[in-house]
Amino acid sequence: MKNTLKTLAFGVIGILVLSFTTMKTEKKNIKIESSKVVWKGYKVTGSHEGTITLKSGSLSFEKEKLTGGEFVIDMTTIASTDLSGEYKGKLEGHLKSDDFFGVEKFPTATLIFTNVKAKGKNSYTITADLTIKGKTNPVSFEISIYGNKATTSLKVDRTKYDVKYGSTSFFDGLKDKAIYDEFDLVADLEF
């Protein structure tokens, strides 16, 4: 009888341990060299676009379902791809200046997922904390994952991060010098 009780007790303990064991999270690092982040900013008279490099990044999965992510963006790498020569250099210098992203003082920006909700088999709705110039605000966007690749795009309101240059939300009389508050980020990631 004692052996039967011991066996039963160990069985119950085993079931309880298995029931309360958390799923293993697998962190997959982003391959920086084969991933790409493109930005596009808009103004009354047109737009500019370019690239920016990730410093590091990872996506977290539980049983192949996305559960988290975190990224560090190297703001010193912001580059224009729609201009060349003197104008390319001027725009890149201005974007790196305190008028825009102040990269000398704020060389990185971060994006940390705070909520991941499955939208479909390979699609998720993400809420994340985006930090630019030391200011953190929530952003929401969709991300799609196929195999070892992920794609996403998000709109960012630059004025929430103290990037006010040329914004009609803060300055009057800009006319055709106005720059729209929102810019786009499009990321093609490989992990």
N, C-alpha and C. Protein backbone atom coordinates (compact mmCIF):
# COMPACT_ATOMS: atom_id res chain seq x y z
N MET A 1 0.83 -1.19 0.00
CA MET A 1 0.00 0.00 0.00
C MET A 1 0.87 1.25 0.00
N LYS A 2 1.98 1.21 0.82
CA LYS A 2 2.87 2.37 0.87
C LYS A 2 3.49 2.64 -0.50
N ASN A 3 3.92 1.58 -1.18
CA ASN A 3 4.53 1.75 -2.51
C ASN A 3 3.53 2.32 -3.51
N THR A 4 2.29 1.91 -3.41
CA THR A 4 1.25 2.42 -4.31
C THR A 4 1.03 3.90 -4.06
N LEU A 5 0.99 4.31 -2.78
CA LEU A 5 0.82 5.73 -2.44
C LEU A 5 2.02 6.55 -2.92
N LYS A 6 3.24 6.01 -2.76
CA LYS A 6 4.43 6.72 -3.23
C LYS A 6 4.38 6.90 -4.75
N THR A 7 4.04 5.86 -5.46
CA THR A 7 3.97 5.92 -6.91
C THR A 7 2.91 6.93 -7.35
N LEU A 8 1.78 6.90 -6.68
CA LEU A 8 0.70 7.84 -6.99
C LEU A 8 1.13 9.28 -6.70
N ALA A 9 1.81 9.51 -5.57
CA ALA A 9 2.28 10.85 -5.20
C ALA A 9 3.29 11.36 -6.23
N PHE A 10 4.25 10.52 -6.63
CA PHE A 10 5.23 10.94 -7.63
C PHE A 10 4.55 11.23 -8.97
N GLY A 11 3.56 10.45 -9.30
CA GLY A 11 2.81 10.67 -10.55
C GLY A 11 2.10 12.02 -10.54
N VAL A 12 1.43 12.33 -9.40
CA VAL A 12 0.73 13.61 -9.27
C VAL A 12 1.73 14.77 -9.33
N ILE A 13 2.85 14.64 -8.63
CA ILE A 13 3.88 15.69 -8.64
C ILE A 13 4.40 15.88 -10.07
N GLY A 14 4.65 14.80 -10.77
CA GLY A 14 5.13 14.88 -12.16
C GLY A 14 4.15 15.61 -13.06
N ILE A 15 2.88 15.29 -12.92
CA ILE A 15 1.84 15.95 -13.73
C ILE A 15 1.79 17.44 -13.39
N LEU A 16 1.86 17.78 -12.10
CA LEU A 16 1.83 19.19 -11.71
C LEU A 16 3.03 19.95 -12.25
N VAL A 17 4.21 19.35 -12.19
CA VAL A 17 5.42 20.00 -12.70
C VAL A 17 5.27 20.25 -14.20
N LEU A 18 4.83 19.25 -14.93
CA LEU A 18 4.66 19.40 -16.37
C LEU A 18 3.58 20.44 -16.69
N SER A 19 2.53 20.50 -15.90
CA SER A 19 1.44 21.44 -16.13
C SER A 19 1.88 22.88 -15.96
N PHE A 20 2.80 23.13 -15.05
CA PHE A 20 3.20 24.50 -14.74
C PHE A 20 4.53 24.91 -15.37
N THR A 21 5.10 24.04 -16.19
CA THR A 21 6.34 24.38 -16.86
C THR A 21 6.03 25.36 -17.99
N THR A 22 6.76 26.46 -18.03
CA THR A 22 6.52 27.44 -19.08
C THR A 22 7.14 26.97 -20.39
N MET A 23 6.57 27.47 -21.49
CA MET A 23 7.11 27.13 -22.79
C MET A 23 8.48 27.77 -22.96
N LYS A 24 9.33 27.10 -23.68
CA LYS A 24 10.68 27.61 -23.90
C LYS A 24 10.64 28.69 -24.98
N THR A 25 11.19 29.86 -24.66
CA THR A 25 11.29 30.95 -25.61
C THR A 25 12.59 30.82 -26.38
N GLU A 26 12.48 30.88 -27.70
CA GLU A 26 13.67 30.83 -28.55
C GLU A 26 13.90 32.22 -29.13
N LYS A 27 15.08 32.75 -28.85
CA LYS A 27 15.46 34.08 -29.33
C LYS A 27 16.29 33.92 -30.59
N LYS A 28 15.82 34.55 -31.69
CA LYS A 28 16.52 34.46 -32.96
C LYS A 28 17.09 35.83 -33.31
N ASN A 29 18.41 35.89 -33.44
CA ASN A 29 19.08 37.15 -33.74
C ASN A 29 18.90 37.54 -35.20
N ILE A 30 18.73 38.82 -35.44
CA ILE A 30 18.60 39.35 -36.79
C ILE A 30 19.97 39.36 -37.45
N LYS A 31 20.04 38.92 -38.68
CA LYS A 31 21.27 38.98 -39.47
C LYS A 31 21.37 40.39 -40.05
N ILE A 32 22.16 41.23 -39.41
CA ILE A 32 22.27 42.65 -39.76
C ILE A 32 22.67 42.85 -41.22
N GLU A 33 23.66 42.07 -41.68
CA GLU A 33 24.20 42.27 -43.03
C GLU A 33 23.21 41.93 -44.13
N SER A 34 22.21 41.10 -43.87
CA SER A 34 21.24 40.74 -44.90
C SER A 34 19.84 41.30 -44.61
N SER A 35 19.75 42.22 -43.66
CA SER A 35 18.48 42.88 -43.35
C SER A 35 18.56 44.34 -43.80
N LYS A 36 17.41 44.94 -44.06
CA LYS A 36 17.41 46.31 -44.58
C LYS A 36 16.25 47.09 -43.97
N VAL A 37 16.55 48.34 -43.57
CA VAL A 37 15.53 49.26 -43.08
C VAL A 37 15.58 50.50 -43.97
N VAL A 38 14.44 50.83 -44.57
CA VAL A 38 14.31 51.99 -45.46
C VAL A 38 13.40 53.01 -44.79
N TRP A 39 13.77 54.30 -44.87
CA TRP A 39 12.94 55.38 -44.36
C TRP A 39 12.46 56.24 -45.52
N LYS A 40 11.32 56.88 -45.34
CA LYS A 40 10.82 57.82 -46.34
C LYS A 40 10.11 58.95 -45.61
N GLY A 41 10.57 60.17 -45.87
CA GLY A 41 9.99 61.37 -45.27
C GLY A 41 9.34 62.21 -46.35
N TYR A 42 8.28 62.93 -45.98
CA TYR A 42 7.49 63.67 -46.96
C TYR A 42 7.47 65.15 -46.64
N LYS A 43 7.48 65.94 -47.70
CA LYS A 43 7.36 67.39 -47.56
C LYS A 43 6.37 67.86 -48.61
N VAL A 44 5.97 69.13 -48.52
CA VAL A 44 4.96 69.67 -49.43
C VAL A 44 5.40 69.51 -50.88
N THR A 45 6.68 69.68 -51.15
CA THR A 45 7.17 69.65 -52.54
C THR A 45 7.70 68.28 -52.97
N GLY A 46 7.52 67.24 -52.19
CA GLY A 46 7.99 65.91 -52.59
C GLY A 46 8.33 65.03 -51.41
N SER A 47 9.43 64.28 -51.54
CA SER A 47 9.83 63.36 -50.48
C SER A 47 11.33 63.06 -50.60
N HIS A 48 11.85 62.46 -49.57
CA HIS A 48 13.22 61.93 -49.57
C HIS A 48 13.17 60.54 -48.96
N GLU A 49 14.11 59.72 -49.38
CA GLU A 49 14.17 58.37 -48.81
C GLU A 49 15.61 57.93 -48.69
N GLY A 50 15.78 56.90 -47.87
CA GLY A 50 17.12 56.39 -47.65
C GLY A 50 17.10 55.14 -46.80
N THR A 51 18.24 54.85 -46.22
CA THR A 51 18.39 53.66 -45.39
C THR A 51 18.94 54.03 -44.03
N ILE A 52 18.76 53.10 -43.11
CA ILE A 52 19.34 53.21 -41.78
C ILE A 52 19.66 51.77 -41.34
N THR A 53 20.75 51.60 -40.61
CA THR A 53 21.22 50.25 -40.28
C THR A 53 20.84 49.86 -38.85
N LEU A 54 20.47 48.60 -38.71
CA LEU A 54 20.27 48.05 -37.38
C LEU A 54 21.63 47.78 -36.74
N LYS A 55 21.73 48.10 -35.47
CA LYS A 55 22.94 47.77 -34.71
C LYS A 55 22.82 46.35 -34.17
N SER A 56 21.60 46.00 -33.72
CA SER A 56 21.31 44.65 -33.25
C SER A 56 19.80 44.45 -33.27
N GLY A 57 19.39 43.20 -33.17
CA GLY A 57 17.96 42.92 -33.14
C GLY A 57 17.71 41.45 -32.94
N SER A 58 16.54 41.15 -32.40
CA SER A 58 16.16 39.76 -32.22
C SER A 58 14.64 39.65 -32.19
N LEU A 59 14.15 38.49 -32.55
CA LEU A 59 12.74 38.14 -32.43
C LEU A 59 12.66 36.92 -31.53
N SER A 60 11.64 36.88 -30.68
CA SER A 60 11.46 35.75 -29.75
C SER A 60 10.25 34.94 -30.19
N PHE A 61 10.38 33.63 -30.09
CA PHE A 61 9.32 32.71 -30.51
C PHE A 61 9.08 31.68 -29.42
N GLU A 62 7.84 31.22 -29.33
CA GLU A 62 7.46 30.06 -28.53
C GLU A 62 6.70 29.13 -29.46
N LYS A 63 7.24 27.96 -29.68
CA LYS A 63 6.64 27.00 -30.60
C LYS A 63 6.34 27.65 -31.94
N GLU A 64 7.30 28.37 -32.47
CA GLU A 64 7.24 29.01 -33.78
C GLU A 64 6.22 30.15 -33.88
N LYS A 65 5.68 30.58 -32.73
CA LYS A 65 4.79 31.75 -32.72
C LYS A 65 5.57 32.93 -32.16
N LEU A 66 5.49 34.06 -32.85
CA LEU A 66 6.19 35.26 -32.41
C LEU A 66 5.65 35.71 -31.06
N THR A 67 6.55 36.00 -30.11
CA THR A 67 6.13 36.47 -28.79
C THR A 67 6.81 37.77 -28.36
N GLY A 68 7.85 38.18 -29.08
CA GLY A 68 8.54 39.40 -28.68
C GLY A 68 9.61 39.80 -29.68
N GLY A 69 10.18 40.95 -29.43
CA GLY A 69 11.25 41.43 -30.29
C GLY A 69 11.88 42.68 -29.71
N GLU A 70 13.13 42.90 -30.04
CA GLU A 70 13.81 44.13 -29.63
C GLU A 70 14.90 44.46 -30.63
N PHE A 71 15.02 45.77 -30.89
CA PHE A 71 15.93 46.24 -31.92
C PHE A 71 16.65 47.49 -31.45
N VAL A 72 17.91 47.64 -31.86
CA VAL A 72 18.68 48.85 -31.64
C VAL A 72 19.06 49.36 -33.03
N ILE A 73 18.71 50.61 -33.30
CA ILE A 73 18.96 51.22 -34.60
C ILE A 73 20.14 52.17 -34.47
N ASP A 74 21.09 52.06 -35.39
CA ASP A 74 22.28 52.92 -35.40
C ASP A 74 21.93 54.21 -36.14
N MET A 75 21.55 55.24 -35.40
CA MET A 75 21.10 56.50 -36.00
C MET A 75 22.22 57.21 -36.76
N THR A 76 23.48 56.89 -36.47
CA THR A 76 24.60 57.54 -37.17
C THR A 76 24.71 57.08 -38.61
N THR A 77 23.97 56.01 -38.99
CA THR A 77 24.06 55.47 -40.34
C THR A 77 22.97 56.00 -41.27
N ILE A 78 22.16 56.93 -40.80
CA ILE A 78 21.07 57.43 -41.64
C ILE A 78 21.65 58.00 -42.93
N ALA A 79 21.15 57.51 -44.06
CA ALA A 79 21.69 57.90 -45.36
C ALA A 79 20.55 58.15 -46.34
N SER A 80 20.79 59.03 -47.27
CA SER A 80 19.84 59.34 -48.34
C SER A 80 20.20 58.49 -49.55
N THR A 81 19.18 57.92 -50.21
CA THR A 81 19.42 57.15 -51.42
C THR A 81 18.82 57.81 -52.65
N ASP A 82 18.11 58.92 -52.46
CA ASP A 82 17.47 59.59 -53.60
C ASP A 82 18.25 60.82 -54.07
N LEU A 83 19.34 61.15 -53.41
CA LEU A 83 20.17 62.28 -53.79
C LEU A 83 21.60 61.82 -53.99
N SER A 84 22.40 62.67 -54.63
CA SER A 84 23.82 62.37 -54.77
C SER A 84 24.62 63.65 -54.62
N GLY A 85 25.92 63.47 -54.46
CA GLY A 85 26.82 64.62 -54.39
C GLY A 85 26.57 65.53 -53.20
N GLU A 86 26.69 66.83 -53.48
CA GLU A 86 26.58 67.86 -52.44
C GLU A 86 25.23 67.81 -51.71
N TYR A 87 24.13 67.61 -52.46
CA TYR A 87 22.80 67.61 -51.83
C TYR A 87 22.60 66.40 -50.92
N LYS A 88 23.17 65.26 -51.31
CA LYS A 88 23.11 64.07 -50.45
C LYS A 88 23.82 64.36 -49.13
N GLY A 89 25.01 64.91 -49.19
CA GLY A 89 25.78 65.24 -47.99
C GLY A 89 25.07 66.25 -47.10
N LYS A 90 24.45 67.26 -47.72
CA LYS A 90 23.73 68.28 -46.94
C LYS A 90 22.54 67.67 -46.22
N LEU A 91 21.75 66.86 -46.93
CA LEU A 91 20.58 66.25 -46.29
C LEU A 91 21.00 65.32 -45.16
N GLU A 92 21.99 64.47 -45.39
CA GLU A 92 22.43 63.54 -44.35
C GLU A 92 22.97 64.29 -43.14
N GLY A 93 23.73 65.35 -43.38
CA GLY A 93 24.23 66.16 -42.27
C GLY A 93 23.11 66.80 -41.48
N HIS A 94 22.09 67.30 -42.20
CA HIS A 94 20.96 67.94 -41.53
C HIS A 94 20.15 66.92 -40.71
N LEU A 95 19.93 65.72 -41.27
CA LEU A 95 19.19 64.68 -40.54
C LEU A 95 19.92 64.25 -39.28
N LYS A 96 21.25 64.29 -39.30
CA LYS A 96 22.05 63.89 -38.14
C LYS A 96 22.19 65.02 -37.12
N SER A 97 21.84 66.24 -37.52
CA SER A 97 21.99 67.41 -36.64
C SER A 97 20.90 67.45 -35.58
N ASP A 98 21.03 68.40 -34.66
CA ASP A 98 20.03 68.56 -33.60
C ASP A 98 18.67 69.00 -34.13
N ASP A 99 18.61 69.57 -35.35
CA ASP A 99 17.33 69.92 -35.97
C ASP A 99 16.45 68.68 -36.12
N PHE A 100 17.10 67.54 -36.38
CA PHE A 100 16.37 66.29 -36.58
C PHE A 100 16.71 65.28 -35.48
N PHE A 101 17.65 64.36 -35.72
CA PHE A 101 17.85 63.24 -34.81
C PHE A 101 19.00 63.38 -33.83
N GLY A 102 19.77 64.44 -33.89
CA GLY A 102 20.82 64.71 -32.91
C GLY A 102 21.69 63.50 -32.61
N VAL A 103 22.26 62.89 -33.65
CA VAL A 103 22.94 61.60 -33.47
C VAL A 103 24.20 61.67 -32.62
N GLU A 104 24.78 62.84 -32.48
CA GLU A 104 25.97 62.93 -31.61
C GLU A 104 25.59 62.63 -30.17
N LYS A 105 24.47 63.16 -29.73
CA LYS A 105 23.99 62.93 -28.37
C LYS A 105 23.15 61.66 -28.25
N PHE A 106 22.44 61.32 -29.34
CA PHE A 106 21.54 60.15 -29.34
C PHE A 106 21.91 59.22 -30.51
N PRO A 107 23.01 58.47 -30.39
CA PRO A 107 23.49 57.65 -31.51
C PRO A 107 22.63 56.42 -31.82
N THR A 108 21.73 56.05 -30.91
CA THR A 108 20.88 54.88 -31.17
C THR A 108 19.43 55.21 -30.85
N ALA A 109 18.55 54.43 -31.46
CA ALA A 109 17.12 54.43 -31.14
C ALA A 109 16.77 52.97 -30.86
N THR A 110 15.70 52.74 -30.11
CA THR A 110 15.31 51.36 -29.80
C THR A 110 13.84 51.12 -30.08
N LEU A 111 13.53 49.88 -30.38
CA LEU A 111 12.15 49.43 -30.56
C LEU A 111 12.01 48.13 -29.78
N ILE A 112 11.14 48.13 -28.77
CA ILE A 112 10.95 46.95 -27.93
C ILE A 112 9.47 46.56 -27.93
N PHE A 113 9.19 45.33 -28.38
CA PHE A 113 7.81 44.85 -28.43
C PHE A 113 7.26 44.74 -27.01
N THR A 114 6.04 45.24 -26.79
CA THR A 114 5.39 45.12 -25.50
C THR A 114 4.16 44.21 -25.56
N ASN A 115 3.62 44.01 -26.78
CA ASN A 115 2.46 43.13 -26.93
C ASN A 115 2.47 42.57 -28.35
N VAL A 116 2.29 41.27 -28.45
CA VAL A 116 2.24 40.60 -29.75
C VAL A 116 0.94 39.82 -29.82
N LYS A 117 0.15 40.10 -30.85
CA LYS A 117 -1.14 39.42 -31.00
C LYS A 117 -1.21 38.79 -32.39
N ALA A 118 -1.43 37.48 -32.42
CA ALA A 118 -1.53 36.78 -33.70
C ALA A 118 -2.75 37.29 -34.45
N LYS A 119 -2.54 37.60 -35.72
CA LYS A 119 -3.61 38.10 -36.57
C LYS A 119 -4.01 37.05 -37.60
N GLY A 120 -3.10 36.17 -37.91
CA GLY A 120 -3.31 35.10 -38.87
C GLY A 120 -2.16 34.12 -38.71
N LYS A 121 -2.01 33.21 -39.67
CA LYS A 121 -0.98 32.19 -39.56
C LYS A 121 0.43 32.80 -39.48
N ASN A 122 0.71 33.79 -40.32
CA ASN A 122 2.05 34.38 -40.37
C ASN A 122 2.05 35.86 -40.06
N SER A 123 0.95 36.37 -39.57
CA SER A 123 0.80 37.82 -39.38
C SER A 123 0.48 38.15 -37.93
N TYR A 124 1.06 39.25 -37.45
CA TYR A 124 0.90 39.65 -36.06
C TYR A 124 0.68 41.15 -35.98
N THR A 125 -0.09 41.56 -34.98
CA THR A 125 -0.22 42.98 -34.65
C THR A 125 0.68 43.23 -33.45
N ILE A 126 1.55 44.23 -33.60
CA ILE A 126 2.56 44.52 -32.58
C ILE A 126 2.29 45.87 -31.94
N THR A 127 2.42 45.94 -30.65
CA THR A 127 2.52 47.21 -29.93
C THR A 127 3.93 47.21 -29.36
N ALA A 128 4.61 48.35 -29.54
CA ALA A 128 6.01 48.42 -29.10
C ALA A 128 6.31 49.79 -28.55
N ASP A 129 7.37 49.88 -27.77
CA ASP A 129 7.89 51.15 -27.30
C ASP A 129 9.03 51.56 -28.22
N LEU A 130 8.87 52.72 -28.86
CA LEU A 130 9.90 53.27 -29.74
C LEU A 130 10.56 54.43 -29.02
N THR A 131 11.88 54.38 -28.90
CA THR A 131 12.63 55.45 -28.24
C THR A 131 13.55 56.11 -29.27
N ILE A 132 13.34 57.42 -29.46
CA ILE A 132 14.17 58.25 -30.34
C ILE A 132 14.50 59.50 -29.56
N LYS A 133 15.75 59.91 -29.58
CA LYS A 133 16.22 61.11 -28.87
C LYS A 133 15.85 61.08 -27.39
N GLY A 134 15.88 59.89 -26.80
CA GLY A 134 15.61 59.74 -25.38
C GLY A 134 14.14 59.79 -25.00
N LYS A 135 13.24 59.91 -25.98
CA LYS A 135 11.80 59.98 -25.72
C LYS A 135 11.15 58.68 -26.19
N THR A 136 10.31 58.09 -25.33
CA THR A 136 9.68 56.81 -25.61
C THR A 136 8.18 56.99 -25.78
N ASN A 137 7.64 56.43 -26.87
CA ASN A 137 6.21 56.45 -27.15
C ASN A 137 5.79 55.11 -27.72
N PRO A 138 4.53 54.71 -27.49
CA PRO A 138 4.05 53.46 -28.07
C PRO A 138 3.75 53.63 -29.56
N VAL A 139 4.02 52.58 -30.33
CA VAL A 139 3.65 52.52 -31.74
C VAL A 139 3.00 51.16 -32.00
N SER A 140 2.13 51.11 -32.99
CA SER A 140 1.49 49.86 -33.38
C SER A 140 1.71 49.62 -34.87
N PHE A 141 1.89 48.36 -35.24
CA PHE A 141 2.13 48.02 -36.64
C PHE A 141 1.89 46.53 -36.84
N GLU A 142 1.87 46.11 -38.10
CA GLU A 142 1.72 44.70 -38.46
C GLU A 142 3.09 44.17 -38.87
N ILE A 143 3.32 42.89 -38.59
CA ILE A 143 4.54 42.22 -39.05
C ILE A 143 4.15 40.86 -39.61
N SER A 144 4.78 40.48 -40.73
CA SER A 144 4.55 39.18 -41.35
C SER A 144 5.84 38.38 -41.28
N ILE A 145 5.72 37.09 -40.98
CA ILE A 145 6.89 36.23 -40.85
C ILE A 145 6.70 35.00 -41.73
N TYR A 146 7.70 34.77 -42.58
CA TYR A 146 7.70 33.60 -43.46
C TYR A 146 9.07 32.95 -43.37
N GLY A 147 9.13 31.76 -42.80
CA GLY A 147 10.41 31.08 -42.64
C GLY A 147 11.34 31.88 -41.75
N ASN A 148 12.50 32.27 -42.29
CA ASN A 148 13.47 33.04 -41.51
C ASN A 148 13.49 34.52 -41.92
N LYS A 149 12.36 35.00 -42.45
CA LYS A 149 12.27 36.40 -42.87
C LYS A 149 11.04 37.05 -42.27
N ALA A 150 11.18 38.35 -42.01
CA ALA A 150 10.06 39.14 -41.48
C ALA A 150 10.01 40.46 -42.24
N THR A 151 8.79 40.94 -42.49
CA THR A 151 8.62 42.24 -43.13
C THR A 151 7.61 43.06 -42.35
N THR A 152 7.86 44.35 -42.29
CA THR A 152 6.96 45.24 -41.58
C THR A 152 7.11 46.66 -42.10
N SER A 153 6.11 47.46 -41.86
CA SER A 153 6.22 48.90 -42.13
C SER A 153 5.44 49.62 -41.05
N LEU A 154 5.95 50.79 -40.67
CA LEU A 154 5.25 51.57 -39.65
C LEU A 154 5.42 53.04 -39.92
N LYS A 155 4.43 53.79 -39.47
CA LYS A 155 4.47 55.25 -39.55
C LYS A 155 4.89 55.77 -38.18
N VAL A 156 5.77 56.78 -38.21
CA VAL A 156 6.27 57.38 -36.98
C VAL A 156 5.99 58.87 -37.02
N ASP A 157 5.35 59.38 -35.96
CA ASP A 157 5.14 60.81 -35.82
C ASP A 157 6.38 61.39 -35.15
N ARG A 158 7.21 62.04 -35.93
CA ARG A 158 8.51 62.54 -35.45
C ARG A 158 8.37 63.58 -34.35
N THR A 159 7.26 64.30 -34.32
CA THR A 159 7.11 65.38 -33.33
C THR A 159 6.99 64.82 -31.91
N LYS A 160 6.59 63.56 -31.77
CA LYS A 160 6.52 62.93 -30.44
C LYS A 160 7.91 62.67 -29.86
N TYR A 161 8.94 62.81 -30.72
CA TYR A 161 10.31 62.55 -30.31
C TYR A 161 11.16 63.82 -30.38
N ASP A 162 10.48 64.95 -30.31
CA ASP A 162 11.14 66.26 -30.31
C ASP A 162 11.91 66.52 -31.61
N VAL A 163 11.39 66.01 -32.71
CA VAL A 163 11.93 66.29 -34.04
C VAL A 163 10.92 67.22 -34.71
N LYS A 164 11.09 68.50 -34.50
CA LYS A 164 10.08 69.49 -34.89
C LYS A 164 10.44 70.33 -36.11
N TYR A 165 11.64 70.22 -36.61
CA TYR A 165 12.10 71.08 -37.72
C TYR A 165 11.12 71.01 -38.90
N GLY A 166 10.67 72.16 -39.37
CA GLY A 166 9.79 72.25 -40.53
C GLY A 166 8.39 71.73 -40.33
N SER A 167 7.97 71.52 -39.09
CA SER A 167 6.65 70.98 -38.79
C SER A 167 5.62 72.09 -38.69
N THR A 168 4.53 71.97 -39.45
CA THR A 168 3.45 72.96 -39.37
C THR A 168 2.69 72.85 -38.04
N SER A 169 2.93 71.79 -37.30
CA SER A 169 2.32 71.66 -35.97
C SER A 169 2.96 72.64 -34.98
N PHE A 170 4.16 73.13 -35.31
CA PHE A 170 4.89 74.01 -34.39
C PHE A 170 5.27 75.36 -34.99
N PHE A 171 5.31 75.44 -36.33
CA PHE A 171 5.76 76.67 -36.97
C PHE A 171 4.75 77.13 -38.02
N ASP A 172 4.45 78.43 -38.02
CA ASP A 172 3.54 79.02 -39.01
C ASP A 172 4.34 79.57 -40.19
N GLY A 173 3.67 79.73 -41.31
CA GLY A 173 4.25 80.39 -42.47
C GLY A 173 5.32 79.60 -43.20
N LEU A 174 5.35 78.28 -43.07
CA LEU A 174 6.38 77.48 -43.74
C LEU A 174 6.11 77.29 -45.23
N LYS A 175 4.85 77.37 -45.61
CA LYS A 175 4.42 77.20 -47.01
C LYS A 175 5.06 75.97 -47.63
N ASP A 176 5.81 76.14 -48.74
CA ASP A 176 6.37 74.97 -49.42
C ASP A 176 7.62 74.41 -48.76
N LYS A 177 8.01 74.96 -47.62
CA LYS A 177 9.15 74.44 -46.83
C LYS A 177 8.69 73.45 -45.76
N ALA A 178 7.38 73.25 -45.66
CA ALA A 178 6.83 72.38 -44.61
C ALA A 178 7.21 70.91 -44.85
N ILE A 179 7.51 70.24 -43.75
CA ILE A 179 7.82 68.81 -43.77
C ILE A 179 6.74 68.12 -42.93
N TYR A 180 6.13 67.09 -43.49
CA TYR A 180 5.06 66.40 -42.78
C TYR A 180 5.60 65.71 -41.52
N ASP A 181 4.73 65.61 -40.52
CA ASP A 181 5.14 65.06 -39.22
C ASP A 181 5.45 63.57 -39.27
N GLU A 182 4.74 62.82 -40.09
CA GLU A 182 4.93 61.38 -40.13
C GLU A 182 5.94 60.98 -41.20
N PHE A 183 6.77 59.99 -40.85
CA PHE A 183 7.64 59.36 -41.84
C PHE A 183 7.45 57.86 -41.75
N ASP A 184 7.83 57.17 -42.82
CA ASP A 184 7.64 55.72 -42.90
C ASP A 184 8.95 54.98 -42.67
N LEU A 185 8.87 53.83 -42.03
CA LEU A 185 9.97 52.88 -41.91
C LEU A 185 9.48 51.55 -42.48
N VAL A 186 10.27 50.97 -43.36
CA VAL A 186 9.95 49.66 -43.95
C VAL A 186 11.15 48.76 -43.68
N ALA A 187 10.90 47.62 -43.07
CA ALA A 187 12.00 46.71 -42.72
C ALA A 187 11.80 45.34 -43.35
N ASP A 188 12.87 44.86 -43.97
CA ASP A 188 12.96 43.47 -44.45
C ASP A 188 14.06 42.82 -43.63
N LEU A 189 13.65 41.89 -42.78
CA LEU A 189 14.57 41.31 -41.82
C LEU A 189 14.83 39.84 -42.11
N GLU A 190 16.05 39.41 -41.84
CA GLU A 190 16.39 37.99 -41.95
C GLU A 190 17.00 37.55 -40.62
N PHE A 191 16.61 36.35 -40.17
CA PHE A 191 17.12 35.86 -38.88
C PHE A 191 17.53 34.41 -39.00
